[in-house]
Amino acid sequence: MSFENRTVFITGGLGGIGGGLTRHFLDLGAFVVVSDRPGADGSAIASLGERASFLPMDVRSEAGWALALEGIVASHGKLDVLVNNAGVFTPGIPFEDMTLAQWRAHMDVNLDGSFLGCRFAMNAMAKTGGGAIVNLSSGLAYIMLSDAAAYCVSKAAVLALTRLAAKAGGKHRVRVNAVLPGAIDTPMLWSNLREGQDPQALTDMLLKQHPIGRLGEVTDVAKAIAFLCDPENSFVTGAMLAVDGGQLVD
């Protein structure tokens, strides 16, 4: 698998999964543009080499997406891959206590941000022969947690968005797929740790939910996404790929 001379755009690229994605695509030879929220410190991206660059962008902004895609195409000639990885998760909010503002904050980033990415990337890719988009959903699109309602619903909606975008993108040779990570060892996962809770107790609980018997690593997710973006897999679109150690088997 090689992504030489291909341009990859990763949103939320400074986070746990985003960082793993960036390193993996660089290892595969790609030019990688990493985006994260305005004000984030992207200086570490420069240390990854000349094929890596940082672009601050608010995924909720249409104007931000338009400028980002214009800049990427101007610098690299085309966009081959978009990974809609940016996401927010605020755990521990009982459904009956969740405010509309908290609900909308999850929808704005997780769903609207992915929609804007699909729309702008699809239009850019259509002009240069096509490309691949991967949306990050979650096993919680199916496993309903009452204290993570907005996250669950937003990630379920991302699956519907993926199917719709795959149907729309076919005529443009733009493939759109989704990855559903299980428990991946990242800071977002450990944000579930309650005050005073033993980290090992949380680990033991998560391991019981994953038949494979371990937590996922960011490389597990990165390899699955690269597979979906590989031009050799040009007949794969609209797929929902669980990378979860069997969490959704039941």
C-alpha atoms as a PDB file:
ATOM      1  CA  MET A   1       0.000   0.000   0.000  1.00  0.00           C
ATOM      2  CA  SER A   2       1.426   3.358  -1.023  1.00  0.00           C
ATOM      3  CA  PHE A   3       0.080   6.906  -0.960  1.00  0.00           C
ATOM      4  CA  GLU A   4       3.038   8.538  -2.682  1.00  0.00           C
ATOM      5  CA  ASN A   5       2.091  11.787  -4.420  1.00  0.00           C
ATOM      6  CA  ARG A   6      -1.332  11.696  -2.760  1.00  0.00           C
ATOM      7  CA  THR A   7      -2.670  14.453  -0.544  1.00  0.00           C
ATOM      8  CA  VAL A   8      -4.477  13.548   2.668  1.00  0.00           C
ATOM      9  CA  PHE A   9      -6.420  16.029   4.810  1.00  0.00           C
ATOM     10  CA  ILE A  10      -7.107  14.991   8.423  1.00  0.00           C
ATOM     11  CA  THR A  11      -9.345  17.036  10.706  1.00  0.00           C
ATOM     12  CA  GLY A  12      -8.814  16.832  14.447  1.00  0.00           C
ATOM     13  CA  GLY A  13      -5.296  15.773  13.602  1.00  0.00           C
ATOM     14  CA  LEU A  14      -3.696  16.749  16.911  1.00  0.00           C
ATOM     15  CA  GLY A  15      -5.745  14.281  18.945  1.00  0.00           C
ATOM     16  CA  GLY A  16      -5.024  10.653  19.772  1.00  0.00           C
ATOM     17  CA  ILE A  17      -6.463   8.976  16.689  1.00  0.00           C
ATOM     18  CA  GLY A  18      -5.641  11.995  14.529  1.00  0.00           C
ATOM     19  CA  GLY A  19      -1.988  11.868  15.500  1.00  0.00           C
ATOM     20  CA  GLY A  20      -1.806   8.178  14.695  1.00  0.00           C
ATOM     21  CA  LEU A  21      -3.462   8.769  11.335  1.00  0.00           C
ATOM     22  CA  THR A  22      -1.000  11.525  10.499  1.00  0.00           C
ATOM     23  CA  ARG A  23       2.039   9.378  11.238  1.00  0.00           C
ATOM     24  CA  HIS A  24       0.612   6.369   9.397  1.00  0.00           C
ATOM     25  CA  PHE A  25      -0.162   8.256   6.193  1.00  0.00           C
ATOM     26  CA  LEU A  26       3.247   9.923   6.301  1.00  0.00           C
ATOM     27  CA  ASP A  27       4.826   6.472   6.601  1.00  0.00           C
ATOM     28  CA  LEU A  28       2.873   5.480   3.485  1.00  0.00           C
ATOM     29  CA  GLY A  29       4.367   8.382   1.533  1.00  0.00           C
ATOM     30  CA  ALA A  30       1.482  10.852   1.517  1.00  0.00           C
ATOM     31  CA  PHE A  31       1.485  14.607   1.817  1.00  0.00           C
ATOM     32  CA  VAL A  32      -0.550  15.152   4.980  1.00  0.00           C
ATOM     33  CA  VAL A  33      -2.378  18.334   5.884  1.00  0.00           C
ATOM     34  CA  VAL A  34      -3.386  18.312   9.535  1.00  0.00           C
ATOM     35  CA  SER A  35      -6.200  20.479  10.791  1.00  0.00           C
ATOM     36  CA  ASP A  36      -7.325  21.306  14.296  1.00  0.00           C
ATOM     37  CA  ARG A  37      -9.263  24.045  16.001  1.00  0.00           C
ATOM     38  CA  PRO A  38      -8.062  27.668  15.685  1.00  0.00           C
ATOM     39  CA  GLY A  39      -5.659  28.490  18.488  1.00  0.00           C
ATOM     40  CA  ALA A  40      -4.362  24.927  18.782  1.00  0.00           C
ATOM     41  CA  ASP A  41      -0.592  24.541  18.831  1.00  0.00           C
ATOM     42  CA  GLY A  42       0.330  22.799  15.606  1.00  0.00           C
ATOM     43  CA  SER A  43       4.075  23.411  15.892  1.00  0.00           C
ATOM     44  CA  ALA A  44       4.781  19.711  16.456  1.00  0.00           C
ATOM     45  CA  ILE A  45       3.553  18.934  12.944  1.00  0.00           C
ATOM     46  CA  ALA A  46       6.575  20.699  11.443  1.00  0.00           C
ATOM     47  CA  SER A  47       8.856  18.195  13.175  1.00  0.00           C
ATOM     48  CA  LEU A  48       7.240  15.370  11.188  1.00  0.00           C
ATOM     49  CA  GLY A  49       8.929  16.435   7.965  1.00  0.00           C
ATOM     50  CA  GLU A  50       8.346  18.499   4.864  1.00  0.00           C
ATOM     51  CA  ARG A  51       5.391  16.385   3.748  1.00  0.00           C
ATOM     52  CA  ALA A  52       3.385  17.415   6.825  1.00  0.00           C
ATOM     53  CA  SER A  53       1.690  20.776   7.318  1.00  0.00           C
ATOM     54  CA  PHE A  54      -0.728  22.301   9.809  1.00  0.00           C
ATOM     55  CA  LEU A  55      -3.892  24.239   8.997  1.00  0.00           C
ATOM     56  CA  PRO A  56      -6.047  25.671  11.807  1.00  0.00           C
ATOM     57  CA  MET A  57      -9.731  25.370  10.943  1.00  0.00           C
ATOM     58  CA  ASP A  58     -13.106  25.279  12.670  1.00  0.00           C
ATOM     59  CA  VAL A  59     -14.931  22.318  11.112  1.00  0.00           C
ATOM     60  CA  ARG A  60     -18.248  24.023  11.868  1.00  0.00           C
ATOM     61  CA  SER A  61     -17.435  26.898   9.494  1.00  0.00           C
ATOM     62  CA  GLU A  62     -18.409  26.847   5.825  1.00  0.00           C
ATOM     63  CA  ALA A  63     -16.003  29.677   5.113  1.00  0.00           C
ATOM     64  CA  GLY A  64     -13.247  27.778   6.904  1.00  0.00           C
ATOM     65  CA  TRP A  65     -13.806  24.688   4.791  1.00  0.00           C
ATOM     66  CA  ALA A  66     -13.880  26.717   1.580  1.00  0.00           C
ATOM     67  CA  LEU A  67     -10.565  28.412   2.395  1.00  0.00           C
ATOM     68  CA  ALA A  68      -8.951  25.157   3.523  1.00  0.00           C
ATOM     69  CA  LEU A  69      -9.845  23.237   0.376  1.00  0.00           C
ATOM     70  CA  GLU A  70      -8.852  26.163  -1.833  1.00  0.00           C
ATOM     71  CA  GLY A  71      -5.469  26.310  -0.121  1.00  0.00           C
ATOM     72  CA  ILE A  72      -4.849  22.558  -0.293  1.00  0.00           C
ATOM     73  CA  VAL A  73      -5.647  22.369  -3.986  1.00  0.00           C
ATOM     74  CA  ALA A  74      -3.514  25.442  -4.680  1.00  0.00           C
ATOM     75  CA  SER A  75      -0.546  23.947  -2.819  1.00  0.00           C
ATOM     76  CA  HIS A  76      -0.839  20.296  -3.839  1.00  0.00           C
ATOM     77  CA  GLY A  77      -2.853  20.355  -7.046  1.00  0.00           C
ATOM     78  CA  LYS A  78      -5.600  18.096  -5.688  1.00  0.00           C
ATOM     79  CA  LEU A  79      -7.108  16.449  -2.633  1.00  0.00           C
ATOM     80  CA  ASP A  80      -7.115  12.652  -2.689  1.00  0.00           C
ATOM     81  CA  VAL A  81      -8.266  11.749   0.812  1.00  0.00           C
ATOM     82  CA  LEU A  82     -10.296  13.415   3.544  1.00  0.00           C
ATOM     83  CA  VAL A  83     -10.609  11.880   7.001  1.00  0.00           C
ATOM     84  CA  ASN A  84     -13.382  13.552   8.997  1.00  0.00           C
ATOM     85  CA  ASN A  85     -11.819  12.754  12.349  1.00  0.00           C
ATOM     86  CA  ALA A  86     -12.628  15.881  14.393  1.00  0.00           C
ATOM     87  CA  GLY A  87     -15.066  15.137  17.166  1.00  0.00           C
ATOM     88  CA  VAL A  88     -16.170  16.076  20.661  1.00  0.00           C
ATOM     89  CA  PHE A  89     -17.341  13.872  23.504  1.00  0.00           C
ATOM     90  CA  THR A  90     -18.506  15.144  26.870  1.00  0.00           C
ATOM     91  CA  PRO A  91     -19.289  12.101  29.014  1.00  0.00           C
ATOM     92  CA  GLY A  92     -21.275  11.796  32.193  1.00  0.00           C
ATOM     93  CA  ILE A  93     -24.290  13.967  31.319  1.00  0.00           C
ATOM     94  CA  PRO A  94     -27.532  12.143  32.196  1.00  0.00           C
ATOM     95  CA  PHE A  95     -30.049  12.350  29.366  1.00  0.00           C
ATOM     96  CA  GLU A  96     -32.608  14.101  31.544  1.00  0.00           C
ATOM     97  CA  ASP A  97     -30.043  16.772  32.504  1.00  0.00           C
ATOM     98  CA  MET A  98     -28.596  17.456  29.070  1.00  0.00           C
ATOM     99  CA  THR A  99     -29.091  21.007  27.858  1.00  0.00           C
ATOM    100  CA  LEU A 100     -29.903  21.943  24.299  1.00  0.00           C
ATOM    101  CA  ALA A 101     -26.565  23.774  24.107  1.00  0.00           C
ATOM    102  CA  GLN A 102     -24.694  20.590  25.085  1.00  0.00           C
ATOM    103  CA  TRP A 103     -26.695  18.606  22.534  1.00  0.00           C
ATOM    104  CA  ARG A 104     -25.997  21.103  19.769  1.00  0.00           C
ATOM    105  CA  ALA A 105     -22.285  21.287  20.591  1.00  0.00           C
ATOM    106  CA  HIS A 106     -21.945  17.576  19.733  1.00  0.00           C
ATOM    107  CA  MET A 107     -24.067  17.854  16.590  1.00  0.00           C
ATOM    108  CA  ASP A 108     -22.199  20.933  15.370  1.00  0.00           C
ATOM    109  CA  VAL A 109     -18.805  19.223  15.369  1.00  0.00           C
ATOM    110  CA  ASN A 110     -19.530  15.523  14.945  1.00  0.00           C
ATOM    111  CA  LEU A 111     -22.313  15.738  12.374  1.00  0.00           C
ATOM    112  CA  ASP A 112     -22.283  19.192  10.782  1.00  0.00           C
ATOM    113  CA  GLY A 113     -18.492  19.205  10.568  1.00  0.00           C
ATOM    114  CA  SER A 114     -18.539  15.838   8.795  1.00  0.00           C
ATOM    115  CA  PHE A 115     -21.294  17.000   6.439  1.00  0.00           C
ATOM    116  CA  LEU A 116     -19.354  20.114   5.454  1.00  0.00           C
ATOM    117  CA  GLY A 117     -16.221  18.048   4.949  1.00  0.00           C
ATOM    118  CA  CYS A 118     -18.021  15.588   2.690  1.00  0.00           C
ATOM    119  CA  ARG A 119     -19.605  18.366   0.644  1.00  0.00           C
ATOM    120  CA  PHE A 120     -16.517  20.500   0.125  1.00  0.00           C
ATOM    121  CA  ALA A 121     -14.152  17.571  -0.414  1.00  0.00           C
ATOM    122  CA  MET A 122     -16.510  15.888  -2.857  1.00  0.00           C
ATOM    123  CA  ASN A 123     -16.712  19.021  -4.980  1.00  0.00           C
ATOM    124  CA  ALA A 124     -12.930  19.399  -4.968  1.00  0.00           C
ATOM    125  CA  MET A 125     -12.291  15.721  -5.741  1.00  0.00           C
ATOM    126  CA  ALA A 126     -14.855  15.677  -8.539  1.00  0.00           C
ATOM    127  CA  LYS A 127     -12.713  18.158 -10.472  1.00  0.00           C
ATOM    128  CA  THR A 128      -9.584  15.983 -10.319  1.00  0.00           C
ATOM    129  CA  GLY A 129     -10.881  12.472 -10.971  1.00  0.00           C
ATOM    130  CA  GLY A 130     -12.234  11.444  -7.584  1.00  0.00           C
ATOM    131  CA  GLY A 131     -10.971  10.452  -4.174  1.00  0.00           C
ATOM    132  CA  ALA A 132     -11.873   8.871  -0.860  1.00  0.00           C
ATOM    133  CA  ILE A 133     -13.552  10.169   2.275  1.00  0.00           C
ATOM    134  CA  VAL A 134     -13.698   8.374   5.613  1.00  0.00           C
ATOM    135  CA  ASN A 135     -16.003   9.541   8.386  1.00  0.00           C
ATOM    136  CA  LEU A 136     -15.276   8.627  11.994  1.00  0.00           C
ATOM    137  CA  SER A 137     -18.353   7.201  13.656  1.00  0.00           C
ATOM    138  CA  SER A 138     -18.284   5.014  16.772  1.00  0.00           C
ATOM    139  CA  GLY A 139     -19.549   1.789  18.237  1.00  0.00           C
ATOM    140  CA  LEU A 140     -21.731   4.098  20.324  1.00  0.00           C
ATOM    141  CA  ALA A 141     -23.761   4.710  17.189  1.00  0.00           C
ATOM    142  CA  TYR A 142     -25.330   1.356  18.116  1.00  0.00           C
ATOM    143  CA  ILE A 143     -24.624   1.028  21.850  1.00  0.00           C
ATOM    144  CA  MET A 144     -26.827   3.601  23.535  1.00  0.00           C
ATOM    145  CA  LEU A 145     -25.390   5.155  26.696  1.00  0.00           C
ATOM    146  CA  SER A 146     -27.932   7.329  28.469  1.00  0.00           C
ATOM    147  CA  ASP A 147     -25.192   9.589  29.856  1.00  0.00           C
ATOM    148  CA  ALA A 148     -23.687  10.134  26.388  1.00  0.00           C
ATOM    149  CA  ALA A 149     -26.871  10.749  24.423  1.00  0.00           C
ATOM    150  CA  ALA A 150     -25.693  13.541  22.138  1.00  0.00           C
ATOM    151  CA  TYR A 151     -22.520  11.683  21.207  1.00  0.00           C
ATOM    152  CA  CYS A 152     -24.419   8.462  20.449  1.00  0.00           C
ATOM    153  CA  VAL A 153     -27.002  10.202  18.270  1.00  0.00           C
ATOM    154  CA  SER A 154     -24.430  12.330  16.451  1.00  0.00           C
ATOM    155  CA  LYS A 155     -22.337   9.273  15.592  1.00  0.00           C
ATOM    156  CA  ALA A 156     -25.423   7.338  14.459  1.00  0.00           C
ATOM    157  CA  ALA A 157     -26.280  10.256  12.190  1.00  0.00           C
ATOM    158  CA  VAL A 158     -22.751  10.133  10.745  1.00  0.00           C
ATOM    159  CA  LEU A 159     -23.544   6.619   9.479  1.00  0.00           C
ATOM    160  CA  ALA A 160     -26.613   7.897   7.645  1.00  0.00           C
ATOM    161  CA  LEU A 161     -24.551  10.774   6.257  1.00  0.00           C
ATOM    162  CA  THR A 162     -21.938   8.298   5.031  1.00  0.00           C
ATOM    163  CA  ARG A 163     -24.484   6.196   3.149  1.00  0.00           C
ATOM    164  CA  LEU A 164     -26.045   9.266   1.580  1.00  0.00           C
ATOM    165  CA  ALA A 165     -22.681  10.787   0.602  1.00  0.00           C
ATOM    166  CA  ALA A 166     -21.545   7.460  -0.860  1.00  0.00           C
ATOM    167  CA  LYS A 167     -24.610   7.420  -3.081  1.00  0.00           C
ATOM    168  CA  ALA A 168     -24.101  11.035  -4.131  1.00  0.00           C
ATOM    169  CA  GLY A 169     -20.365  10.619  -4.671  1.00  0.00           C
ATOM    170  CA  GLY A 170     -20.472   7.622  -6.956  1.00  0.00           C
ATOM    171  CA  LYS A 171     -20.927   9.628 -10.130  1.00  0.00           C
ATOM    172  CA  HIS A 172     -17.910  11.736  -9.165  1.00  0.00           C
ATOM    173  CA  ARG A 173     -15.727   8.696  -8.367  1.00  0.00           C
ATOM    174  CA  VAL A 174     -15.679   9.789  -4.765  1.00  0.00           C
ATOM    175  CA  ARG A 175     -15.927   6.911  -2.309  1.00  0.00           C
ATOM    176  CA  VAL A 176     -17.296   7.545   1.178  1.00  0.00           C
ATOM    177  CA  ASN A 177     -16.958   5.039   4.016  1.00  0.00           C
ATOM    178  CA  ALA A 178     -17.168   5.053   7.802  1.00  0.00           C
ATOM    179  CA  VAL A 179     -15.046   3.530  10.556  1.00  0.00           C
ATOM    180  CA  LEU A 180     -16.547   2.668  13.929  1.00  0.00           C
ATOM    181  CA  PRO A 181     -13.816   2.447  16.567  1.00  0.00           C
ATOM    182  CA  GLY A 182     -14.377   0.628  19.824  1.00  0.00           C
ATOM    183  CA  ALA A 183     -12.419   1.472  22.964  1.00  0.00           C
ATOM    184  CA  ILE A 184      -9.171   2.979  21.644  1.00  0.00           C
ATOM    185  CA  ASP A 185      -6.403   3.902  24.070  1.00  0.00           C
ATOM    186  CA  THR A 186      -6.541   7.696  23.699  1.00  0.00           C
ATOM    187  CA  PRO A 187      -7.103  10.692  25.987  1.00  0.00           C
ATOM    188  CA  MET A 188     -10.742  10.784  24.845  1.00  0.00           C
ATOM    189  CA  LEU A 189     -11.227   7.250  26.166  1.00  0.00           C
ATOM    190  CA  TRP A 190      -9.756   8.131  29.546  1.00  0.00           C
ATOM    191  CA  SER A 191     -12.037  11.158  29.818  1.00  0.00           C
ATOM    192  CA  ASN A 192     -14.638   8.559  30.834  1.00  0.00           C
ATOM    193  CA  LEU A 193     -12.762   8.016  34.082  1.00  0.00           C
ATOM    194  CA  ARG A 194     -14.920   9.308  36.933  1.00  0.00           C
ATOM    195  CA  GLU A 195     -13.466  11.154  39.895  1.00  0.00           C
ATOM    196  CA  GLY A 196     -12.045   8.625  42.315  1.00  0.00           C
ATOM    197  CA  GLN A 197     -12.515   5.720  39.900  1.00  0.00           C
ATOM    198  CA  ASP A 198      -9.718   3.151  39.655  1.00  0.00           C
ATOM    199  CA  PRO A 199      -8.295   3.227  36.092  1.00  0.00           C
ATOM    200  CA  GLN A 200      -7.910  -0.549  36.220  1.00  0.00           C
ATOM    201  CA  ALA A 201     -11.614  -0.908  37.007  1.00  0.00           C
ATOM    202  CA  LEU A 202     -12.467   1.058  33.868  1.00  0.00           C
ATOM    203  CA  THR A 203     -10.016  -1.022  31.843  1.00  0.00           C
ATOM    204  CA  ASP A 204     -11.508  -4.271  33.159  1.00  0.00           C
ATOM    205  CA  MET A 205     -15.019  -3.108  32.285  1.00  0.00           C
ATOM    206  CA  LEU A 206     -13.974  -2.178  28.737  1.00  0.00           C
ATOM    207  CA  LEU A 207     -12.116  -5.452  28.200  1.00  0.00           C
ATOM    208  CA  LYS A 208     -15.280  -7.384  29.019  1.00  0.00           C
ATOM    209  CA  GLN A 209     -17.015  -5.538  26.173  1.00  0.00           C
ATOM    210  CA  HIS A 210     -14.349  -6.492  23.608  1.00  0.00           C
ATOM    211  CA  PRO A 211     -14.106 -10.235  22.846  1.00  0.00           C
ATOM    212  CA  ILE A 212     -10.607  -9.805  21.445  1.00  0.00           C
ATOM    213  CA  GLY A 213      -9.460  -9.115  25.017  1.00  0.00           C
ATOM    214  CA  ARG A 214      -7.563  -5.849  24.681  1.00  0.00           C
ATOM    215  CA  LEU A 215      -8.048  -2.152  24.125  1.00  0.00           C
ATOM    216  CA  GLY A 216      -7.588  -0.852  20.606  1.00  0.00           C
ATOM    217  CA  GLU A 217      -4.537   1.120  19.522  1.00  0.00           C
ATOM    218  CA  VAL A 218      -4.561   4.135  17.250  1.00  0.00           C
ATOM    219  CA  THR A 219      -2.643   2.084  14.685  1.00  0.00           C
ATOM    220  CA  ASP A 220      -5.585  -0.325  14.472  1.00  0.00           C
ATOM    221  CA  VAL A 221      -7.819   2.528  13.369  1.00  0.00           C
ATOM    222  CA  ALA A 222      -5.189   4.090  11.102  1.00  0.00           C
ATOM    223  CA  LYS A 223      -4.624   0.851   9.179  1.00  0.00           C
ATOM    224  CA  ALA A 224      -8.359   0.367   8.646  1.00  0.00           C
ATOM    225  CA  ILE A 225      -8.770   3.918   7.351  1.00  0.00           C
ATOM    226  CA  ALA A 226      -5.801   3.560   5.004  1.00  0.00           C
ATOM    227  CA  PHE A 227      -7.353   0.351   3.659  1.00  0.00           C
ATOM    228  CA  LEU A 228     -10.599   2.178   2.862  1.00  0.00           C
ATOM    229  CA  CYS A 229      -8.707   5.043   1.200  1.00  0.00           C
ATOM    230  CA  ASP A 230      -6.430   2.823  -0.884  1.00  0.00           C
ATOM    231  CA  PRO A 231      -7.262   3.240  -4.601  1.00  0.00           C
ATOM    232  CA  GLU A 232      -6.810  -0.523  -4.935  1.00  0.00           C
ATOM    233  CA  ASN A 233     -10.088  -0.852  -3.042  1.00  0.00           C
ATOM    234  CA  SER A 234     -12.024   1.268  -5.512  1.00  0.00           C
ATOM    235  CA  PHE A 235     -15.208  -0.847  -5.300  1.00  0.00           C
ATOM    236  CA  VAL A 236     -15.638  -0.218  -1.564  1.00  0.00           C
ATOM    237  CA  THR A 237     -18.014   2.634  -0.778  1.00  0.00           C
ATOM    238  CA  GLY A 238     -20.816   3.101   1.719  1.00  0.00           C
ATOM    239  CA  ALA A 239     -19.155   0.575   4.045  1.00  0.00           C
ATOM    240  CA  MET A 240     -19.384   0.691   7.832  1.00  0.00           C
ATOM    241  CA  LEU A 241     -16.181  -0.885   9.154  1.00  0.00           C
ATOM    242  CA  ALA A 242     -16.118  -1.675  12.872  1.00  0.00           C
ATOM    243  CA  VAL A 243     -12.625  -1.577  14.376  1.00  0.00           C
ATOM    244  CA  ASP A 244     -13.678  -2.669  17.822  1.00  0.00           C
ATOM    245  CA  GLY A 245     -12.307  -6.058  18.812  1.00  0.00           C
ATOM    246  CA  GLY A 246     -15.776  -7.546  18.400  1.00  0.00           C
ATOM    247  CA  GLN A 247     -17.622  -5.074  20.616  1.00  0.00           C
ATOM    248  CA  LEU A 248     -20.637  -4.998  18.294  1.00  0.00           C
ATOM    249  CA  VAL A 249     -20.830  -8.773  17.834  1.00  0.00           C
ATOM    250  CA  ASP A 250     -23.636  -9.073  20.371  1.00  0.00           C
END
